[in-house]
PDB file of N, CA and C in Angstrom:
ATOM      1  N   MET A   1      -6.036  -5.037  -3.324  1.00  0.00           N
ATOM      2  CA  MET A   1      -5.148  -5.749  -3.617  1.00  0.00           C
ATOM      3  C   MET A   1      -3.523  -5.258  -3.167  1.00  0.00           C
ATOM      4  N   HIS A   2      -2.580  -4.712  -3.841  1.00  0.00           N
ATOM      5  CA  HIS A   2      -1.692  -4.088  -4.046  1.00  0.00           C
ATOM      6  C   HIS A   2      -1.259  -2.545  -2.783  1.00  0.00           C
ATOM      7  N   GLN A   3      -2.728  -2.347  -2.787  1.00  0.00           N
ATOM      8  CA  GLN A   3      -3.034  -0.502  -2.213  1.00  0.00           C
ATOM      9  C   GLN A   3      -2.291  -1.207  -0.447  1.00  0.00           C
ATOM     10  N   ASN A   4      -1.790  -0.402   0.169  1.00  0.00           N
ATOM     11  CA  ASN A   4      -1.176  -0.099   1.538  1.00  0.00           C
ATOM     12  C   ASN A   4      -0.145  -1.501   1.571  1.00  0.00           C
ATOM     13  N   ALA A   5       0.546  -2.148   0.728  1.00  0.00           N
ATOM     14  CA  ALA A   5       0.989  -3.155   0.627  1.00  0.00           C
ATOM     15  C   ALA A   5       2.424  -2.506   0.146  1.00  0.00           C
ATOM     16  N   ARG A   6       3.892  -2.967   0.725  1.00  0.00           N
ATOM     17  CA  ARG A   6       4.847  -3.160  -0.041  1.00  0.00           C
ATOM     18  C   ARG A   6       5.387  -3.708  -1.300  1.00  0.00           C
ATOM     19  N   SER A   7       5.733  -2.928  -2.348  1.00  0.00           N
ATOM     20  CA  SER A   7       5.980  -3.669  -3.370  1.00  0.00           C
ATOM     21  C   SER A   7       7.309  -4.610  -3.459  1.00  0.00           C
ATOM     22  N   LEU A   8       6.765  -5.643  -4.325  1.00  0.00           N
ATOM     23  CA  LEU A   8       7.965  -6.644  -4.542  1.00  0.00           C
ATOM     24  C   LEU A   8       8.826  -6.547  -5.867  1.00  0.00           C
ATOM     25  N   VAL A   9       9.874  -6.497  -5.584  1.00  0.00           N
ATOM     26  CA  VAL A   9      10.542  -6.780  -7.188  1.00  0.00           C
ATOM     27  C   VAL A   9       9.834  -8.390  -7.687  1.00  0.00           C
ATOM     28  N   VAL A  10       9.776  -8.182  -9.223  1.00  0.00           N
ATOM     29  CA  VAL A  10       9.321  -9.644 -10.073  1.00  0.00           C
ATOM     30  C   VAL A  10      10.527  -9.949 -10.433  1.00  0.00           C
ATOM     31  N   LYS A  11      11.239 -11.028 -11.101  1.00  0.00           N
ATOM     32  CA  LYS A  11      11.948 -11.324 -11.797  1.00  0.00           C
ATOM     33  C   LYS A  11      12.135 -12.093 -12.915  1.00  0.00           C
ATOM     34  N   PHE A  12      11.077 -12.359 -14.100  1.00  0.00           N
ATOM     35  CA  PHE A  12      11.042 -13.265 -15.128  1.00  0.00           C
ATOM     36  C   PHE A  12      11.327 -12.507 -15.997  1.00  0.00           C
ATOM     37  N   ASN A  13      11.556 -13.459 -17.416  1.00  0.00           N
ATOM     38  CA  ASN A  13      11.223 -13.245 -18.683  1.00  0.00           C
ATOM     39  C   ASN A  13      10.712 -12.912 -19.533  1.00  0.00           C
ATOM     40  N   SER A  14       9.552 -12.101 -20.116  1.00  0.00           N
ATOM     41  CA  SER A  14       8.631 -12.455 -20.603  1.00  0.00           C
ATOM     42  C   SER A  14       8.580 -12.566 -22.025  1.00  0.00           C
ATOM     43  N   PRO A  15       7.833 -13.475 -22.863  1.00  0.00           N
ATOM     44  CA  PRO A  15       7.847 -13.727 -24.566  1.00  0.00           C
ATOM     45  C   PRO A  15       7.272 -12.410 -25.048  1.00  0.00           C
ATOM     46  N   ASP A  16       7.869 -11.674 -26.151  1.00  0.00           N
ATOM     47  CA  ASP A  16       6.800 -11.337 -26.739  1.00  0.00           C
ATOM     48  C   ASP A  16       5.912 -11.480 -27.535  1.00  0.00           C
ATOM     49  N   TYR A  17       4.675  -9.944 -27.052  1.00  0.00           N
ATOM     50  CA  TYR A  17       3.607 -10.010 -27.940  1.00  0.00           C
ATOM     51  C   TYR A  17       3.773  -9.695 -29.511  1.00  0.00           C
ATOM     52  N   ARG A  18       3.923 -10.404 -30.455  1.00  0.00           N
ATOM     53  CA  ARG A  18       3.819  -9.343 -31.955  1.00  0.00           C
ATOM     54  C   ARG A  18       2.854  -9.046 -32.830  1.00  0.00           C
ATOM     55  N   TYR A  19       2.432  -7.728 -33.210  1.00  0.00           N
ATOM     56  CA  TYR A  19       1.198  -7.334 -34.102  1.00  0.00           C
ATOM     57  C   TYR A  19       1.333  -6.476 -35.038  1.00  0.00           C
ATOM     58  N   ASN A  20       1.474  -6.615 -36.298  1.00  0.00           N
ATOM     59  CA  ASN A  20       1.291  -5.381 -37.317  1.00  0.00           C
ATOM     60  C   ASN A  20       2.786  -4.958 -36.856  1.00  0.00           C
ATOM     61  N   GLY A  21       3.762  -5.616 -37.247  1.00  0.00           N
ATOM     62  CA  GLY A  21       5.283  -5.189 -37.234  1.00  0.00           C
ATOM     63  C   GLY A  21       5.814  -4.803 -35.786  1.00  0.00           C
ATOM     64  N   LEU A  22       4.965  -4.680 -35.141  1.00  0.00           N
ATOM     65  CA  LEU A  22       5.524  -4.158 -33.663  1.00  0.00           C
ATOM     66  C   LEU A  22       5.471  -5.075 -32.583  1.00  0.00           C
ATOM     67  N   LYS A  23       6.124  -4.748 -31.872  1.00  0.00           N
ATOM     68  CA  LYS A  23       5.823  -5.652 -30.140  1.00  0.00           C
ATOM     69  C   LYS A  23       6.354  -5.473 -29.216  1.00  0.00           C
ATOM     70  N   ILE A  24       5.666  -6.072 -28.156  1.00  0.00           N
ATOM     71  CA  ILE A  24       5.303  -5.148 -26.456  1.00  0.00           C
ATOM     72  C   ILE A  24       5.714  -6.634 -24.854  1.00  0.00           C
ATOM     73  N   PRO A  25       6.379  -6.255 -24.412  1.00  0.00           N
ATOM     74  CA  PRO A  25       5.903  -7.770 -23.595  1.00  0.00           C
ATOM     75  C   PRO A  25       4.504  -8.642 -23.657  1.00  0.00           C
ATOM     76  N   ALA A  26       4.208  -9.733 -23.978  1.00  0.00           N
ATOM     77  CA  ALA A  26       3.028 -10.317 -24.030  1.00  0.00           C
ATOM     78  C   ALA A  26       1.948 -10.696 -22.519  1.00  0.00           C
ATOM     79  N   VAL A  27       3.790 -10.428 -21.281  1.00  0.00           N
ATOM     80  CA  VAL A  27       3.555 -10.440 -19.834  1.00  0.00           C
ATOM     81  C   VAL A  27       3.765  -9.189 -19.051  1.00  0.00           C
ATOM     82  N   ASN A  28       2.665  -8.869 -17.966  1.00  0.00           N
ATOM     83  CA  ASN A  28       3.161  -7.962 -17.227  1.00  0.00           C
ATOM     84  C   ASN A  28       2.606  -8.274 -15.435  1.00  0.00           C
ATOM     85  N   VAL A  29       3.579  -7.867 -14.408  1.00  0.00           N
ATOM     86  CA  VAL A  29       3.717  -9.043 -13.281  1.00  0.00           C
ATOM     87  C   VAL A  29       3.711  -8.164 -12.170  1.00  0.00           C
ATOM     88  N   SER A  30       3.085  -7.630 -10.866  1.00  0.00           N
ATOM     89  CA  SER A  30       3.299  -6.813  -9.813  1.00  0.00           C
ATOM     90  C   SER A  30       3.174  -7.664  -9.049  1.00  0.00           C
ATOM     91  N   ALA A  31       3.761  -7.137  -8.003  1.00  0.00           N
ATOM     92  CA  ALA A  31       3.746  -7.552  -6.768  1.00  0.00           C
ATOM     93  C   ALA A  31       3.973  -7.105  -5.471  1.00  0.00           C
ATOM     94  N   SER A  32       3.156  -7.720  -4.595  1.00  0.00           N
ATOM     95  CA  SER A  32       3.584  -7.094  -2.629  1.00  0.00           C
ATOM     96  C   SER A  32       3.345  -7.949  -2.121  1.00  0.00           C
ATOM     97  N   ARG A  33       3.588  -7.071  -0.776  1.00  0.00           N
ATOM     98  CA  ARG A  33       3.207  -8.159   0.709  1.00  0.00           C
ATOM     99  C   ARG A  33       2.454  -7.265   1.101  1.00  0.00           C
ATOM    100  N   ASP A  34       1.636  -7.497   1.937  1.00  0.00           N
ATOM    101  CA  ASP A  34       0.289  -7.312   2.676  1.00  0.00           C
ATOM    102  C   ASP A  34       0.421  -7.336   4.164  1.00  0.00           C
ATOM    103  N   SER A  35       0.179  -6.044   4.818  1.00  0.00           N
ATOM    104  CA  SER A  35       0.622  -5.869   6.720  1.00  0.00           C
ATOM    105  C   SER A  35      -0.021  -7.290   7.265  1.00  0.00           C
ATOM    106  N   MET A  36      -0.062  -8.627   6.887  1.00  0.00           N
ATOM    107  CA  MET A  36      -0.641  -9.494   7.401  1.00  0.00           C
ATOM    108  C   MET A  36       0.839 -10.963   6.633  1.00  0.00           C
ATOM    109  N   GLY A  37       1.658 -10.496   5.748  1.00  0.00           N
ATOM    110  CA  GLY A  37       2.448 -11.137   5.448  1.00  0.00           C
ATOM    111  C   GLY A  37       1.996 -11.818   3.812  1.00  0.00           C
ATOM    112  N   ALA A  38       1.046 -11.923   3.573  1.00  0.00           N
ATOM    113  CA  ALA A  38       0.312 -12.559   2.565  1.00  0.00           C
ATOM    114  C   ALA A  38       0.548 -12.072   1.602  1.00  0.00           C
ATOM    115  N   VAL A  39       1.419 -12.668   0.352  1.00  0.00           N
ATOM    116  CA  VAL A  39       1.885 -12.317  -0.901  1.00  0.00           C
ATOM    117  C   VAL A  39       0.524 -12.389  -2.477  1.00  0.00           C
ATOM    118  N   HIS A  40       0.961 -10.922  -2.751  1.00  0.00           N
ATOM    119  CA  HIS A  40      -0.447 -10.788  -4.101  1.00  0.00           C
ATOM    120  C   HIS A  40       0.743 -10.449  -5.346  1.00  0.00           C
ATOM    121  N   ILE A  41       0.261 -11.560  -6.198  1.00  0.00           N
ATOM    122  CA  ILE A  41       0.514 -11.774  -7.537  1.00  0.00           C
ATOM    123  C   ILE A  41      -0.175 -10.911  -8.693  1.00  0.00           C
ATOM    124  N   SER A  42       0.061  -9.793  -9.389  1.00  0.00           N
ATOM    125  CA  SER A  42      -0.920  -9.961 -10.900  1.00  0.00           C
ATOM    126  C   SER A  42      -0.280 -10.066 -11.654  1.00  0.00           C
ATOM    127  N   LEU A  43      -0.952 -10.829 -12.525  1.00  0.00           N
ATOM    128  CA  LEU A  43      -0.516 -11.107 -14.017  1.00  0.00           C
ATOM    129  C   LEU A  43      -1.191 -11.016 -15.008  1.00  0.00           C
ATOM    130  N   VAL A  44      -0.998 -10.203 -15.820  1.00  0.00           N
ATOM    131  CA  VAL A  44      -1.347  -9.750 -17.172  1.00  0.00           C
ATOM    132  C   VAL A  44      -0.482 -10.453 -18.380  1.00  0.00           C
ATOM    133  N   ASN A  45      -1.514 -11.810 -19.088  1.00  0.00           N
ATOM    134  CA  ASN A  45      -1.448 -12.075 -20.369  1.00  0.00           C
ATOM    135  C   ASN A  45      -2.027 -11.506 -21.541  1.00  0.00           C
ATOM    136  N   LEU A  46      -1.458 -10.317 -22.354  1.00  0.00           N
ATOM    137  CA  LEU A  46      -1.917  -9.674 -23.414  1.00  0.00           C
ATOM    138  C   LEU A  46      -1.764 -10.347 -24.743  1.00  0.00           C
ATOM    139  N   ASP A  47      -1.327 -11.389 -24.937  1.00  0.00           N
ATOM    140  CA  ASP A  47      -1.490 -12.086 -25.678  1.00  0.00           C
ATOM    141  C   ASP A  47      -3.293 -12.847 -26.448  1.00  0.00           C
ATOM    142  N   PRO A  48      -3.788 -12.966 -26.756  1.00  0.00           N
ATOM    143  CA  PRO A  48      -5.031 -12.889 -27.578  1.00  0.00           C
ATOM    144  C   PRO A  48      -5.191 -14.278 -27.948  1.00  0.00           C
ATOM    145  N   ALA A  49      -3.750 -15.380 -28.142  1.00  0.00           N
ATOM    146  CA  ALA A  49      -3.942 -16.024 -28.492  1.00  0.00           C
ATOM    147  C   ALA A  49      -3.195 -17.248 -27.832  1.00  0.00           C
ATOM    148  N   LYS A  50      -2.230 -16.503 -27.402  1.00  0.00           N
ATOM    149  CA  LYS A  50      -1.369 -17.902 -26.584  1.00  0.00           C
ATOM    150  C   LYS A  50      -1.544 -17.834 -25.094  1.00  0.00           C
ATOM    151  N   ALA A  51      -1.606 -19.570 -24.214  1.00  0.00           N
ATOM    152  CA  ALA A  51      -1.222 -19.446 -23.486  1.00  0.00           C
ATOM    153  C   ALA A  51      -0.419 -19.286 -23.042  1.00  0.00           C
ATOM    154  N   ILE A  52       0.871 -18.359 -22.117  1.00  0.00           N
ATOM    155  CA  ILE A  52       1.904 -18.117 -22.116  1.00  0.00           C
ATOM    156  C   ILE A  52       2.259 -18.719 -20.314  1.00  0.00           C
ATOM    157  N   THR A  53       3.343 -19.649 -19.908  1.00  0.00           N
ATOM    158  CA  THR A  53       3.487 -20.015 -18.815  1.00  0.00           C
ATOM    159  C   THR A  53       4.569 -19.205 -18.312  1.00  0.00           C
ATOM    160  N   VAL A  54       4.676 -18.886 -16.848  1.00  0.00           N
ATOM    161  CA  VAL A  54       5.347 -17.993 -16.566  1.00  0.00           C
ATOM    162  C   VAL A  54       5.795 -18.525 -15.222  1.00  0.00           C
ATOM    163  N   ARG A  55       7.701 -18.904 -14.573  1.00  0.00           N
ATOM    164  CA  ARG A  55       8.161 -19.257 -13.604  1.00  0.00           C
ATOM    165  C   ARG A  55       9.109 -18.178 -12.848  1.00  0.00           C
ATOM    166  N   THR A  56       8.498 -18.271 -11.969  1.00  0.00           N
ATOM    167  CA  THR A  56       9.117 -17.608 -11.105  1.00  0.00           C
ATOM    168  C   THR A  56      10.497 -17.883  -9.586  1.00  0.00           C
ATOM    169  N   ALA A  57      11.182 -17.649  -9.644  1.00  0.00           N
ATOM    170  CA  ALA A  57      11.814 -18.258  -8.079  1.00  0.00           C
ATOM    171  C   ALA A  57      10.817 -17.586  -6.630  1.00  0.00           C
ATOM    172  N   VAL A  58      10.277 -18.381  -5.673  1.00  0.00           N
ATOM    173  CA  VAL A  58      10.062 -18.028  -4.943  1.00  0.00           C
ATOM    174  C   VAL A  58      10.311 -18.939  -3.610  1.00  0.00           C
ATOM    175  N   GLU A  59      11.464 -18.615  -3.493  1.00  0.00           N
ATOM    176  CA  GLU A  59      12.175 -19.935  -2.633  1.00  0.00           C
ATOM    177  C   GLU A  59      12.161 -19.244  -1.322  1.00  0.00           C
ATOM    178  N   ASN A  60      12.310 -17.626  -1.167  1.00  0.00           N
ATOM    179  CA  ASN A  60      12.341 -16.644   0.194  1.00  0.00           C
ATOM    180  C   ASN A  60      11.127 -16.708   0.342  1.00  0.00           C
ATOM    181  N   LEU A  61       9.928 -17.328  -0.143  1.00  0.00           N
ATOM    182  CA  LEU A  61       8.551 -16.793   0.328  1.00  0.00           C
ATOM    183  C   LEU A  61       8.241 -17.898   0.818  1.00  0.00           C
ATOM    184  N   ILE A  62       7.788 -17.633   2.588  1.00  0.00           N
ATOM    185  CA  ILE A  62       7.709 -18.841   2.969  1.00  0.00           C
ATOM    186  C   ILE A  62       5.905 -18.411   2.841  1.00  0.00           C
ATOM    187  N   SER A  63       5.525 -19.470   2.611  1.00  0.00           N
ATOM    188  CA  SER A  63       3.976 -20.067   2.380  1.00  0.00           C
ATOM    189  C   SER A  63       3.223 -21.550   1.465  1.00  0.00           C
ATOM    190  N   LYS A  64       1.915 -21.573   2.069  1.00  0.00           N
ATOM    191  CA  LYS A  64       1.934 -23.243   2.841  1.00  0.00           C
ATOM    192  C   LYS A  64       0.314 -22.931   1.482  1.00  0.00           C
ATOM    193  N   SER A  65       0.054 -22.556   1.113  1.00  0.00           N
ATOM    194  CA  SER A  65      -1.077 -22.267  -0.289  1.00  0.00           C
ATOM    195  C   SER A  65      -1.090 -21.017  -1.194  1.00  0.00           C
ATOM    196  N   VAL A  66      -1.025 -21.514  -2.504  1.00  0.00           N
ATOM    197  CA  VAL A  66      -1.372 -20.493  -3.130  1.00  0.00           C
ATOM    198  C   VAL A  66      -3.401 -20.299  -3.858  1.00  0.00           C
ATOM    199  N   THR A  67      -3.516 -19.292  -3.954  1.00  0.00           N
ATOM    200  CA  THR A  67      -4.865 -19.507  -4.092  1.00  0.00           C
ATOM    201  C   THR A  67      -5.334 -17.800  -5.429  1.00  0.00           C
ATOM    202  N   GLY A  68      -5.889 -18.480  -6.519  1.00  0.00           N
ATOM    203  CA  GLY A  68      -5.894 -16.892  -6.790  1.00  0.00           C
ATOM    204  C   GLY A  68      -7.634 -16.916  -7.900  1.00  0.00           C
ATOM    205  N   ARG A  69      -7.849 -15.870  -8.728  1.00  0.00           N
ATOM    206  CA  ARG A  69      -8.757 -15.361  -9.258  1.00  0.00           C
ATOM    207  C   ARG A  69      -8.370 -14.649 -10.743  1.00  0.00           C
ATOM    208  N   ILE A  70      -9.419 -15.566 -12.004  1.00  0.00           N
ATOM    209  CA  ILE A  70      -9.217 -14.826 -13.013  1.00  0.00           C
ATOM    210  C   ILE A  70     -10.458 -14.120 -13.893  1.00  0.00           C
ATOM    211  N   LEU A  71      -9.705 -12.826 -14.745  1.00  0.00           N
ATOM    212  CA  LEU A  71     -10.848 -12.818 -15.449  1.00  0.00           C
ATOM    213  C   LEU A  71     -10.236 -12.957 -16.692  1.00  0.00           C
ATOM    214  N   THR A  72     -10.955 -12.982 -17.767  1.00  0.00           N
ATOM    215  CA  THR A  72     -11.133 -13.722 -19.173  1.00  0.00           C
ATOM    216  C   THR A  72     -12.392 -13.850 -19.916  1.00  0.00           C
ATOM    217  N   SER A  73     -12.573 -13.883 -21.223  1.00  0.00           N
ATOM    218  CA  SER A  73     -14.015 -13.996 -21.776  1.00  0.00           C
ATOM    219  C   SER A  73     -13.236 -15.248 -22.846  1.00  0.00           C
ATOM    220  N   GLU A  74     -14.405 -15.875 -23.306  1.00  0.00           N
ATOM    221  CA  GLU A  74     -14.138 -16.282 -24.404  1.00  0.00           C
ATOM    222  C   GLU A  74     -13.676 -15.113 -25.459  1.00  0.00           C
ATOM    223  N   ARG A  75     -14.599 -14.170 -26.089  1.00  0.00           N
ATOM    224  CA  ARG A  75     -13.956 -13.730 -27.530  1.00  0.00           C
ATOM    225  C   ARG A  75     -13.186 -12.258 -26.603  1.00  0.00           C
ATOM    226  N   PHE A  76     -12.151 -11.506 -27.527  1.00  0.00           N
ATOM    227  CA  PHE A  76     -11.479 -10.677 -27.110  1.00  0.00           C
ATOM    228  C   PHE A  76     -12.588  -8.937 -26.652  1.00  0.00           C
ATOM    229  N   THR A  77     -13.309  -9.863 -27.379  1.00  0.00           N
ATOM    230  CA  THR A  77     -14.460  -8.020 -27.445  1.00  0.00           C
ATOM    231  C   THR A  77     -15.998  -8.472 -26.546  1.00  0.00           C
ATOM    232  N   ASP A  78     -15.592  -9.306 -25.976  1.00  0.00           N
ATOM    233  CA  ASP A  78     -16.761  -8.967 -25.276  1.00  0.00           C
ATOM    234  C   ASP A  78     -16.577  -8.574 -23.735  1.00  0.00           C
ATOM    235  N   ILE A  79     -18.300  -7.856 -23.424  1.00  0.00           N
ATOM    236  CA  ILE A  79     -18.168  -6.504 -22.669  1.00  0.00           C
ATOM    237  C   ILE A  79     -19.312  -7.042 -21.528  1.00  0.00           C
ATOM    238  N   ASN A  80     -19.527  -6.454 -20.752  1.00  0.00           N
ATOM    239  CA  ASN A  80     -20.551  -6.771 -19.496  1.00  0.00           C
ATOM    240  C   ASN A  80     -21.538  -5.768 -20.663  1.00  0.00           C
ATOM    241  N   THR A  81     -23.158  -6.315 -20.254  1.00  0.00           N
ATOM    242  CA  THR A  81     -24.115  -5.248 -20.797  1.00  0.00           C
ATOM    243  C   THR A  81     -25.289  -5.250 -20.034  1.00  0.00           C
ATOM    244  N   PHE A  82     -26.424  -4.557 -20.013  1.00  0.00           N
ATOM    245  CA  PHE A  82     -27.160  -4.585 -19.063  1.00  0.00           C
ATOM    246  C   PHE A  82     -27.963  -6.238 -19.159  1.00  0.00           C
ATOM    247  N   ARG A  83     -27.743  -6.554 -20.780  1.00  0.00           N
ATOM    248  CA  ARG A  83     -28.433  -7.402 -20.791  1.00  0.00           C
ATOM    249  C   ARG A  83     -27.684  -9.046 -20.693  1.00  0.00           C
ATOM    250  N   GLU A  84     -26.732  -8.708 -20.825  1.00  0.00           N
ATOM    251  CA  GLU A  84     -25.398  -9.532 -20.101  1.00  0.00           C
ATOM    252  C   GLU A  84     -24.280  -9.278 -19.027  1.00  0.00           C
ATOM    253  N   PRO A  85     -24.870  -8.941 -17.730  1.00  0.00           N
ATOM    254  CA  PRO A  85     -23.525  -8.446 -16.713  1.00  0.00           C
ATOM    255  C   PRO A  85     -22.826  -9.199 -16.762  1.00  0.00           C
ATOM    256  N   GLU A  86     -23.271 -10.380 -16.526  1.00  0.00           N
ATOM    257  CA  GLU A  86     -21.682 -11.656 -16.207  1.00  0.00           C
ATOM    258  C   GLU A  86     -20.938 -12.083 -17.117  1.00  0.00           C
ATOM    259  N   LYS A  87     -20.963 -11.397 -18.743  1.00  0.00           N
ATOM    260  CA  LYS A  87     -20.835 -12.105 -19.568  1.00  0.00           C
ATOM    261  C   LYS A  87     -19.164 -11.773 -19.134  1.00  0.00           C
ATOM    262  N   VAL A  88     -17.999 -11.109 -18.448  1.00  0.00           N
ATOM    263  CA  VAL A  88     -17.125 -10.559 -18.032  1.00  0.00           C
ATOM    264  C   VAL A  88     -16.773 -11.074 -17.031  1.00  0.00           C
ATOM    265  N   LYS A  89     -16.589 -11.799 -15.779  1.00  0.00           N
ATOM    266  CA  LYS A  89     -16.880 -11.837 -14.408  1.00  0.00           C
ATOM    267  C   LYS A  89     -15.340 -12.753 -13.694  1.00  0.00           C
ATOM    268  N   PRO A  90     -14.762 -12.270 -13.106  1.00  0.00           N
ATOM    269  CA  PRO A  90     -13.757 -13.226 -11.871  1.00  0.00           C
ATOM    270  C   PRO A  90     -14.166 -15.056 -11.680  1.00  0.00           C
ATOM    271  N   ALA A  91     -13.538 -15.285 -11.802  1.00  0.00           N
ATOM    272  CA  ALA A  91     -14.039 -17.142 -11.390  1.00  0.00           C
ATOM    273  C   ALA A  91     -12.492 -17.575 -11.255  1.00  0.00           C
ATOM    274  N   VAL A  92     -12.179 -18.749 -10.396  1.00  0.00           N
ATOM    275  CA  VAL A  92     -11.577 -19.396  -8.991  1.00  0.00           C
ATOM    276  C   VAL A  92     -10.881 -19.839 -10.368  1.00  0.00           C
ATOM    277  N   PHE A  93      -9.179 -19.569 -10.577  1.00  0.00           N
ATOM    278  CA  PHE A  93      -7.815 -19.807 -10.724  1.00  0.00           C
ATOM    279  C   PHE A  93      -7.562 -21.225 -10.724  1.00  0.00           C
ATOM    280  N   SER A  94      -6.752 -22.455 -11.221  1.00  0.00           N
ATOM    281  CA  SER A  94      -6.027 -23.194 -10.621  1.00  0.00           C
ATOM    282  C   SER A  94      -5.331 -23.041 -11.244  1.00  0.00           C
ATOM    283  N   GLY A  95      -4.364 -22.456 -12.931  1.00  0.00           N
ATOM    284  CA  GLY A  95      -2.887 -22.477 -12.740  1.00  0.00           C
ATOM    285  C   GLY A  95      -1.903 -22.385 -12.193  1.00  0.00           C
ATOM    286  N   ALA A  96      -2.075 -22.003 -10.979  1.00  0.00           N
ATOM    287  CA  ALA A  96      -0.297 -22.035 -10.246  1.00  0.00           C
ATOM    288  C   ALA A  96      -0.076 -22.825  -9.605  1.00  0.00           C
ATOM    289  N   LYS A  97       0.816 -23.207  -9.337  1.00  0.00           N
ATOM    290  CA  LYS A  97       1.537 -24.045  -8.326  1.00  0.00           C
ATOM    291  C   LYS A  97       3.343 -23.983  -8.056  1.00  0.00           C
ATOM    292  N   LYS A  98       3.245 -23.863  -6.727  1.00  0.00           N
ATOM    293  CA  LYS A  98       4.056 -23.808  -6.462  1.00  0.00           C
ATOM    294  C   LYS A  98       5.174 -26.005  -6.377  1.00  0.00           C
ATOM    295  N   GLN A  99       6.805 -25.411  -7.214  1.00  0.00           N
ATOM    296  CA  GLN A  99       7.516 -26.737  -7.801  1.00  0.00           C
ATOM    297  C   GLN A  99       8.967 -26.207  -7.239  1.00  0.00           C
ATOM    298  N   GLY A 100       9.067 -27.431  -6.097  1.00  0.00           N
ATOM    299  CA  GLY A 100      10.390 -26.685  -5.567  1.00  0.00           C
ATOM    300  C   GLY A 100      10.293 -25.179  -4.942  1.00  0.00           C
ATOM    301  N   GLY A 101      11.600 -24.617  -5.321  1.00  0.00           N
ATOM    302  CA  GLY A 101      11.553 -23.010  -5.462  1.00  0.00           C
ATOM    303  C   GLY A 101      10.647 -22.187  -6.452  1.00  0.00           C
ATOM    304  N   GLU A 102       9.937 -22.894  -7.079  1.00  0.00           N
ATOM    305  CA  GLU A 102       9.569 -21.852  -8.170  1.00  0.00           C
ATOM    306  C   GLU A 102       7.748 -21.837  -8.436  1.00  0.00           C
ATOM    307  N   LEU A 103       7.468 -20.705  -8.484  1.00  0.00           N
ATOM    308  CA  LEU A 103       6.257 -20.467  -8.906  1.00  0.00           C
ATOM    309  C   LEU A 103       5.915 -20.727  -9.952  1.00  0.00           C
ATOM    310  N   VAL A 104       4.866 -21.610 -10.797  1.00  0.00           N
ATOM    311  CA  VAL A 104       4.810 -21.652 -12.300  1.00  0.00           C
ATOM    312  C   VAL A 104       3.221 -21.241 -12.405  1.00  0.00           C
ATOM    313  N   VAL A 105       3.299 -20.466 -12.797  1.00  0.00           N
ATOM    314  CA  VAL A 105       1.889 -20.353 -13.872  1.00  0.00           C
ATOM    315  C   VAL A 105       1.284 -20.324 -14.903  1.00  0.00           C
ATOM    316  N   THR A 106      -0.047 -21.306 -15.727  1.00  0.00           N
ATOM    317  CA  THR A 106       0.079 -20.842 -16.499  1.00  0.00           C
ATOM    318  C   THR A 106      -1.550 -20.201 -17.591  1.00  0.00           C
ATOM    319  N   LEU A 107      -0.759 -18.474 -17.838  1.00  0.00           N
ATOM    320  CA  LEU A 107      -1.916 -18.498 -18.087  1.00  0.00           C
ATOM    321  C   LEU A 107      -2.424 -17.768 -19.003  1.00  0.00           C
ATOM    322  N   PRO A 108      -3.751 -18.405 -19.198  1.00  0.00           N
ATOM    323  CA  PRO A 108      -4.482 -18.277 -20.817  1.00  0.00           C
ATOM    324  C   PRO A 108      -4.395 -16.742 -21.617  1.00  0.00           C
ATOM    325  N   PRO A 109      -4.804 -17.136 -22.593  1.00  0.00           N
ATOM    326  CA  PRO A 109      -4.884 -15.950 -23.179  1.00  0.00           C
ATOM    327  C   PRO A 109      -5.705 -14.958 -22.619  1.00  0.00           C
ATOM    328  N   LYS A 110      -5.152 -13.444 -23.089  1.00  0.00           N
ATOM    329  CA  LYS A 110      -6.265 -12.323 -22.861  1.00  0.00           C
ATOM    330  C   LYS A 110      -6.490 -12.798 -21.388  1.00  0.00           C
ATOM    331  N   SER A 111      -6.093 -12.667 -20.475  1.00  0.00           N
ATOM    332  CA  SER A 111      -6.294 -12.862 -19.469  1.00  0.00           C
ATOM    333  C   SER A 111      -5.844 -11.974 -18.000  1.00  0.00           C
ATOM    334  N   VAL A 112      -6.106 -11.420 -16.321  1.00  0.00           N
ATOM    335  CA  VAL A 112      -5.875 -10.871 -15.436  1.00  0.00           C
ATOM    336  C   VAL A 112      -6.104 -12.235 -14.582  1.00  0.00           C
ATOM    337  N   VAL A 113      -4.797 -12.779 -14.143  1.00  0.00           N
ATOM    338  CA  VAL A 113      -5.039 -13.479 -13.159  1.00  0.00           C
ATOM    339  C   VAL A 113      -3.986 -12.934 -11.475  1.00  0.00           C
ATOM    340  N   VAL A 114      -5.470 -12.968 -10.453  1.00  0.00           N
ATOM    341  CA  VAL A 114      -4.478 -12.627  -9.420  1.00  0.00           C
ATOM    342  C   VAL A 114      -4.478 -13.603  -8.153  1.00  0.00           C
ATOM    343  N   LEU A 115      -2.933 -13.845  -8.004  1.00  0.00           N
ATOM    344  CA  LEU A 115      -2.449 -14.648  -6.628  1.00  0.00           C
ATOM    345  C   LEU A 115      -2.103 -13.949  -5.187  1.00  0.00           C
ATOM    346  N   GLU A 116      -2.503 -15.172  -4.988  1.00  0.00           N
ATOM    347  CA  GLU A 116      -2.880 -14.863  -2.970  1.00  0.00           C
ATOM    348  C   GLU A 116      -1.175 -16.250  -3.099  1.00  0.00           C
ATOM    349  N   LEU A 117      -0.380 -15.613  -2.202  1.00  0.00           N
ATOM    350  CA  LEU A 117       0.541 -16.573  -1.469  1.00  0.00           C
ATOM    351  C   LEU A 117       0.047 -16.936   0.235  1.00  0.00           C
ATOM    352  N   LYS A 118      -0.170 -17.516   0.845  1.00  0.00           N
ATOM    353  CA  LYS A 118       0.070 -16.948   2.021  1.00  0.00           C
ATOM    354  C   LYS A 118       0.937 -18.013   2.983  1.00  0.00           C
TER     355      LYS A 118
END
């Protein structure tokens, strides 16, 4: 998705995820524009218990649609096995929308979301 694409700067404020007296940013984001002009945004919510809504300005991006995929599971410890090879798999994500000049994304707990703006 980001391979052979031009990196874009994303400005946003992440809440902190706190655990055992330590803290890290709860959300990580990276973005790029591919050779066809599509913008790809990858977002990770590290918090295993809380959904987080991220807002970022996109007024300079000319796009008509936002589509997405999500990778998450019911339990933090879920894994794919030979018995359950589809336990954790990508699915359609519909928690992103453009509101005026902003992109608003609600990230479920413990999720990886990849968006494409065209």
